[in-house]
C-alpha cells in the first residue's frame, strides 16, 4: 500500500504540512511568507530537493487563493504548496456552504480529510470516505487523518493505495504532549502501516526524535506552524536529516 509519494532519489520523501486551522487573515500572509523565507539557504535547499522534503501550507478556505498569490509574488510557488483543510462530500450541486473538490482542484494539491476536529463536530466515517472519493476524482491528494485503529479500519480498503494517512492521537493535538515513539511503533507494527504522517504537538524542539523513525513520512504541524520563523527552523531540521539520510544511503549503494 502506498501512503506517501515515492521520492525520486532512493525513495526519500518527507511531507510537512502547516495546518493553520482557524487562524490568520489576509493581512498576515505576506509577513508569514517573508519570515519563513528569510532563510534563503533553506529555500534553495527545498528548491533543489523537492523529492526529499515538501512543504505545504493549509490555511482556512478564504485564504487559499490569496496565499497562492503571495507565494507567487515572493517567487515561492514552486517551494511551498497549498492544501485545503476540508472538502465537500459531494462533487458539486445544491449544497449551500460546501466547497466541492472540482472548485478546489485548480488551487490545491492536497486536502486534509477526517481531522479529529472535524469528526468531533459530527463528521461520519461515511462522509470521510465520500470526501476521499471526491478528492480523488478531482485529482486532489487526500491526507486522511485517523486517531484510532477503528477509524483506520473504516477507510475504504480499495482506495487506501491512493491516499496519504496521518495519525493524530486526540490527546496530543494542541496539548503539548506528543505521542511517544513506542505508541507510534505500535501503529507501524501492530496496525500494519509501513509509513504514515504524524500530527500532534510537533515543534522545532522535538522533531529530531521523530525524524529518526523510518516509518514516519511527514508531519502535520498545527500551533508550531503559526510562527513562521519557528516553523522554518522545524523544516530546516527535516531538510538536514533528509540530506544526511540520502548521503548515507547513496554511500552504501556505491
Protein backbone atom coordinates (compact mmCIF):
# COMPACT_ATOMS: atom_id res chain seq x y z
CA UNK A 1 0.00 0.00 0.00
CA UNK A 2 1.31 3.47 -0.89
CA UNK A 3 0.73 6.11 1.74
CA UNK A 4 3.31 8.64 0.60
CA UNK A 5 4.60 9.58 -2.79
CA UNK A 6 7.87 7.91 -3.73
CA UNK A 7 10.81 10.30 -3.86
CA UNK A 8 12.95 10.46 -6.97
CA UNK A 9 16.21 9.75 -5.16
CA UNK A 10 16.22 6.41 -3.36
CA UNK A 11 12.60 6.89 -2.36
CA UNK A 12 13.30 9.53 0.30
CA UNK A 13 10.45 11.96 0.84
CA UNK A 14 9.13 13.95 3.80
CA UNK A 15 5.86 15.89 3.65
CA UNK A 16 5.45 18.70 6.17
CA UNK A 17 2.01 20.30 6.36
CA UNK A 18 1.39 23.55 8.22
CA UNK A 19 -2.22 23.32 9.37
CA UNK A 20 -3.19 26.85 10.34
CA UNK A 21 -6.69 25.78 11.35
CA UNK A 22 -8.94 28.80 12.09
CA UNK A 23 -6.08 31.26 12.42
CA UNK A 24 -4.64 34.19 10.45
CA UNK A 25 -6.23 36.58 7.97
CA UNK A 26 -5.23 38.08 4.62
CA UNK A 27 -3.25 40.89 6.25
CA UNK A 28 -0.89 38.39 7.90
CA UNK A 29 0.05 36.36 4.84
CA UNK A 30 2.87 38.49 3.48
CA UNK A 31 4.62 38.71 6.84
CA UNK A 32 4.40 34.95 7.39
CA UNK A 33 5.79 34.14 3.95
CA UNK A 34 8.56 36.74 4.35
CA UNK A 35 9.57 35.37 7.75
CA UNK A 36 9.54 31.76 6.58
CA UNK A 37 11.66 32.54 3.53
CA UNK A 38 14.20 34.67 5.41
CA UNK A 39 16.50 31.64 5.48
CA UNK A 40 17.43 31.76 1.79
CA UNK A 41 19.64 28.68 2.12
CA UNK A 42 16.59 26.71 3.26
CA UNK A 43 14.58 27.94 0.28
CA UNK A 44 17.30 26.90 -2.14
CA UNK A 45 17.62 23.50 -0.46
CA UNK A 46 13.88 22.97 -0.82
CA UNK A 47 14.03 24.10 -4.42
CA UNK A 48 16.77 21.65 -5.43
CA UNK A 49 15.46 18.66 -3.50
CA UNK A 50 11.64 18.58 -3.81
CA UNK A 51 11.83 14.78 -3.80
CA UNK A 52 13.22 14.84 -0.26
CA UNK A 53 11.16 17.42 1.64
CA UNK A 54 7.92 19.02 0.51
CA UNK A 55 6.35 21.90 2.46
CA UNK A 56 2.61 22.58 2.25
CA UNK A 57 0.50 25.22 3.99
CA UNK A 58 -3.15 24.51 4.76
CA UNK A 59 -4.99 27.76 5.56
CA UNK A 60 -8.69 28.44 6.03
CA UNK A 61 -10.72 28.42 2.82
CA UNK A 62 -10.83 32.24 2.29
CA UNK A 63 -7.02 32.38 2.44
CA UNK A 64 -6.21 29.72 -0.15
CA UNK A 65 -6.19 31.94 -3.23
CA UNK A 66 -4.63 35.00 -1.50
CA UNK A 67 -1.87 32.76 -0.13
CA UNK A 68 -1.14 31.41 -3.59
CA UNK A 69 -0.83 34.97 -4.87
CA UNK A 70 1.53 35.97 -2.05
CA UNK A 71 3.67 32.89 -2.69
CA UNK A 72 3.79 33.83 -6.37
CA UNK A 73 4.83 37.39 -5.53
CA UNK A 74 7.70 36.01 -3.44
CA UNK A 75 8.66 33.53 -6.17
CA UNK A 76 7.89 30.63 -3.83
CA UNK A 77 5.11 28.90 -5.72
CA UNK A 78 7.48 26.05 -6.57
CA UNK A 79 8.69 25.72 -2.97
CA UNK A 80 5.55 25.89 -0.84
CA UNK A 81 2.39 24.05 -1.82
CA UNK A 82 -1.16 24.73 -0.66
CA UNK A 83 -3.76 22.38 0.82
CA UNK A 84 -7.35 22.78 1.93
CA UNK A 85 -8.46 21.87 5.44
CA UNK A 86 -11.61 20.10 4.29
CA UNK A 87 -13.69 19.35 1.21
CA UNK A 88 -17.32 18.62 0.41
CA UNK A 89 -18.54 15.05 0.34
CA UNK A 90 -20.33 15.98 -2.91
CA UNK A 91 -18.57 16.90 -6.12
CA UNK A 92 -20.96 19.77 -6.91
CA UNK A 93 -24.60 20.74 -6.73
CA UNK A 94 -27.11 22.42 -4.41
CA UNK A 95 -25.15 22.23 -1.17
CA UNK A 96 -25.10 25.71 0.36
CA UNK A 97 -21.95 26.40 2.34
CA UNK A 98 -19.99 23.49 0.88
CA UNK A 99 -16.87 23.70 -1.30
CA UNK A 100 -16.55 21.00 -3.92
CA UNK A 101 -13.43 19.17 -5.00
CA UNK A 102 -13.57 20.46 -8.56
CA UNK A 103 -13.78 24.03 -7.24
CA UNK A 104 -10.55 23.43 -5.33
CA UNK A 105 -8.73 21.33 -7.90
CA UNK A 106 -7.02 24.29 -9.60
CA UNK A 107 -5.99 25.79 -6.26
CA UNK A 108 -4.66 22.97 -4.08
CA UNK A 109 -2.60 19.82 -4.45
CA UNK A 110 -3.66 18.25 -1.15
CA UNK A 111 -6.70 18.20 1.11
CA UNK A 112 -6.89 17.26 4.79
CA UNK A 113 -9.81 14.91 5.38
CA UNK A 114 -11.18 13.40 8.59
CA UNK A 115 -9.27 15.57 11.05
CA UNK A 116 -10.31 14.81 14.62
CA UNK A 117 -11.61 18.36 15.00
CA UNK A 118 -13.99 17.72 12.08
CA UNK A 119 -15.01 14.32 13.42
CA UNK A 120 -15.77 15.91 16.82
CA UNK A 121 -18.33 18.11 15.03
CA UNK A 122 -20.18 15.09 13.70
CA UNK A 123 -18.30 14.07 10.56
CA UNK A 124 -19.05 10.38 9.99
CA UNK A 125 -16.90 7.58 8.52
CA UNK A 126 -19.25 7.55 5.51
CA UNK A 127 -18.64 11.26 4.90
CA UNK A 128 -14.89 10.75 5.25
CA UNK A 129 -14.95 8.09 2.54
CA UNK A 130 -17.17 10.24 0.32
CA UNK A 131 -14.73 13.14 0.68
CA UNK A 132 -11.80 10.88 -0.19
CA UNK A 133 -13.63 9.74 -3.31
CA UNK A 134 -14.49 13.33 -4.30
CA UNK A 135 -10.90 14.48 -3.87
CA UNK A 136 -9.50 11.62 -5.93
CA UNK A 137 -11.98 12.24 -8.74
CA UNK A 138 -10.82 15.87 -8.88
CA UNK A 139 -7.12 14.98 -8.84
CA UNK A 140 -6.51 16.17 -5.29
CA UNK A 141 -4.36 14.04 -2.99
CA UNK A 142 -6.23 13.29 0.27
CA UNK A 143 -4.38 13.43 3.57
CA UNK A 144 -6.71 11.28 5.65
CA UNK A 145 -6.46 11.61 9.41
CA UNK A 146 -7.21 8.89 11.93
CA UNK A 147 -6.88 8.79 15.71
CA UNK A 148 -7.58 5.13 16.39
CA UNK A 149 -7.33 1.71 14.82
CA UNK A 150 -11.12 1.69 14.37
CA UNK A 151 -11.01 4.92 12.36
CA UNK A 152 -8.22 3.46 10.25
CA UNK A 153 -10.26 0.34 9.52
CA UNK A 154 -13.25 2.47 8.48
CA UNK A 155 -11.36 3.87 5.50
CA UNK A 156 -12.50 2.03 2.38
CA UNK A 157 -9.72 -0.50 1.63
CA UNK A 158 -9.96 -0.22 -2.15
CA UNK A 159 -8.87 3.44 -2.06
CA UNK A 160 -6.13 3.27 0.55
CA UNK A 161 -3.43 2.93 -2.09
CA UNK A 162 -4.22 6.39 -3.47
CA UNK A 163 -4.13 8.43 -0.28
CA UNK A 164 -1.82 9.60 2.48
CA UNK A 165 -2.60 8.56 6.03
CA UNK A 166 -1.96 10.82 9.01
CA UNK A 167 -2.05 9.51 12.57
CA UNK A 168 -3.11 12.18 15.05
CA UNK A 169 -3.86 10.89 18.56
CA UNK A 170 -6.52 13.13 20.07
CA UNK A 171 -4.63 13.55 23.35
CA UNK A 172 -1.64 15.05 21.55
CA UNK A 173 -3.36 17.66 19.39
CA UNK A 174 -2.59 21.14 20.68
CA UNK A 175 -1.79 19.71 24.09
CA UNK A 176 1.98 19.98 24.09
CA UNK A 177 2.17 16.22 24.67
CA UNK A 178 3.34 14.44 21.52
CA UNK A 179 2.81 10.70 21.18
CA UNK A 180 5.65 8.52 22.37
CA UNK A 181 7.83 6.68 19.88
CA UNK A 182 6.54 3.47 21.48
CA UNK A 183 2.96 4.42 20.60
CA UNK A 184 3.92 5.26 17.03
CA UNK A 185 5.76 1.96 16.65
CA UNK A 186 2.51 0.24 17.61
CA UNK A 187 0.74 2.00 14.73
CA UNK A 188 3.55 0.88 12.43
CA UNK A 189 3.97 -2.72 13.52
CA UNK A 190 0.61 -3.74 15.01
CA UNK A 191 -1.71 -1.70 12.79
CA UNK A 192 0.27 -2.59 9.70
CA UNK A 193 1.18 0.84 8.29
CA UNK A 194 4.51 0.84 6.50
CA UNK A 195 4.66 4.64 6.50
CA UNK A 196 2.44 7.44 7.74
CA UNK A 197 2.35 11.13 8.59
CA UNK A 198 2.29 12.06 12.27
CA UNK A 199 0.42 15.00 13.77
CA UNK A 200 0.27 16.06 17.40
CA UNK A 201 2.34 18.71 19.24
CA UNK A 202 5.32 18.52 16.87
CA UNK A 203 7.63 21.52 17.07
CA UNK A 204 11.21 22.59 16.36
CA UNK A 205 12.36 21.25 19.75
CA UNK A 206 11.12 17.66 19.50
CA UNK A 207 11.06 16.91 15.77
CA UNK A 208 14.51 15.27 15.73
CA UNK A 209 13.31 12.28 17.76
CA UNK A 210 10.58 11.60 15.20
CA UNK A 211 12.74 12.17 12.13
CA UNK A 212 14.81 9.14 13.16
CA UNK A 213 11.83 6.80 12.69
CA UNK A 214 11.83 5.40 9.15
CA UNK A 215 8.09 4.74 9.23
CA UNK A 216 7.25 8.42 9.75
CA UNK A 217 6.96 10.04 6.33
CA UNK A 218 5.91 13.51 7.34
CA UNK A 219 4.23 15.76 9.86
CA UNK A 220 1.01 17.69 10.37
CA UNK A 221 2.11 20.77 12.27
CA UNK A 222 -0.55 22.88 13.96
CA UNK A 223 0.29 25.51 16.56
CA UNK A 224 4.01 25.41 15.79
CA UNK A 225 3.35 26.42 12.18
CA UNK A 226 1.75 29.75 13.07
CA UNK A 227 5.13 31.30 13.88
CA UNK A 228 6.91 31.36 10.52
CA UNK A 229 10.43 31.67 11.93
CA UNK A 230 9.93 28.73 14.27
CA UNK A 231 8.33 26.67 11.53
CA UNK A 232 11.28 27.48 9.28
CA UNK A 233 13.64 26.03 11.90
CA UNK A 234 11.50 22.90 12.08
CA UNK A 235 11.66 22.47 8.31
CA UNK A 236 15.40 23.14 8.36
CA UNK A 237 15.88 20.18 10.71
CA UNK A 238 13.84 17.96 8.42
CA UNK A 239 15.83 19.04 5.36
CA UNK A 240 19.15 18.46 7.11
CA UNK A 241 18.06 15.00 8.21
CA UNK A 242 16.77 14.14 4.73
CA UNK A 243 20.07 15.12 3.15
CA UNK A 244 22.03 13.14 5.72
CA UNK A 245 19.86 10.07 5.09
CA UNK A 246 20.21 10.48 1.35
CA UNK A 247 24.01 10.70 1.50
CA UNK A 248 24.27 7.72 3.85
CA UNK A 249 22.09 5.63 1.56
CA UNK A 250 23.97 6.72 -1.55
CA UNK A 251 27.30 5.83 0.04
CA UNK A 252 26.01 2.36 0.91
CA UNK A 253 24.91 1.75 -2.67
CA UNK A 254 28.13 2.92 -4.34
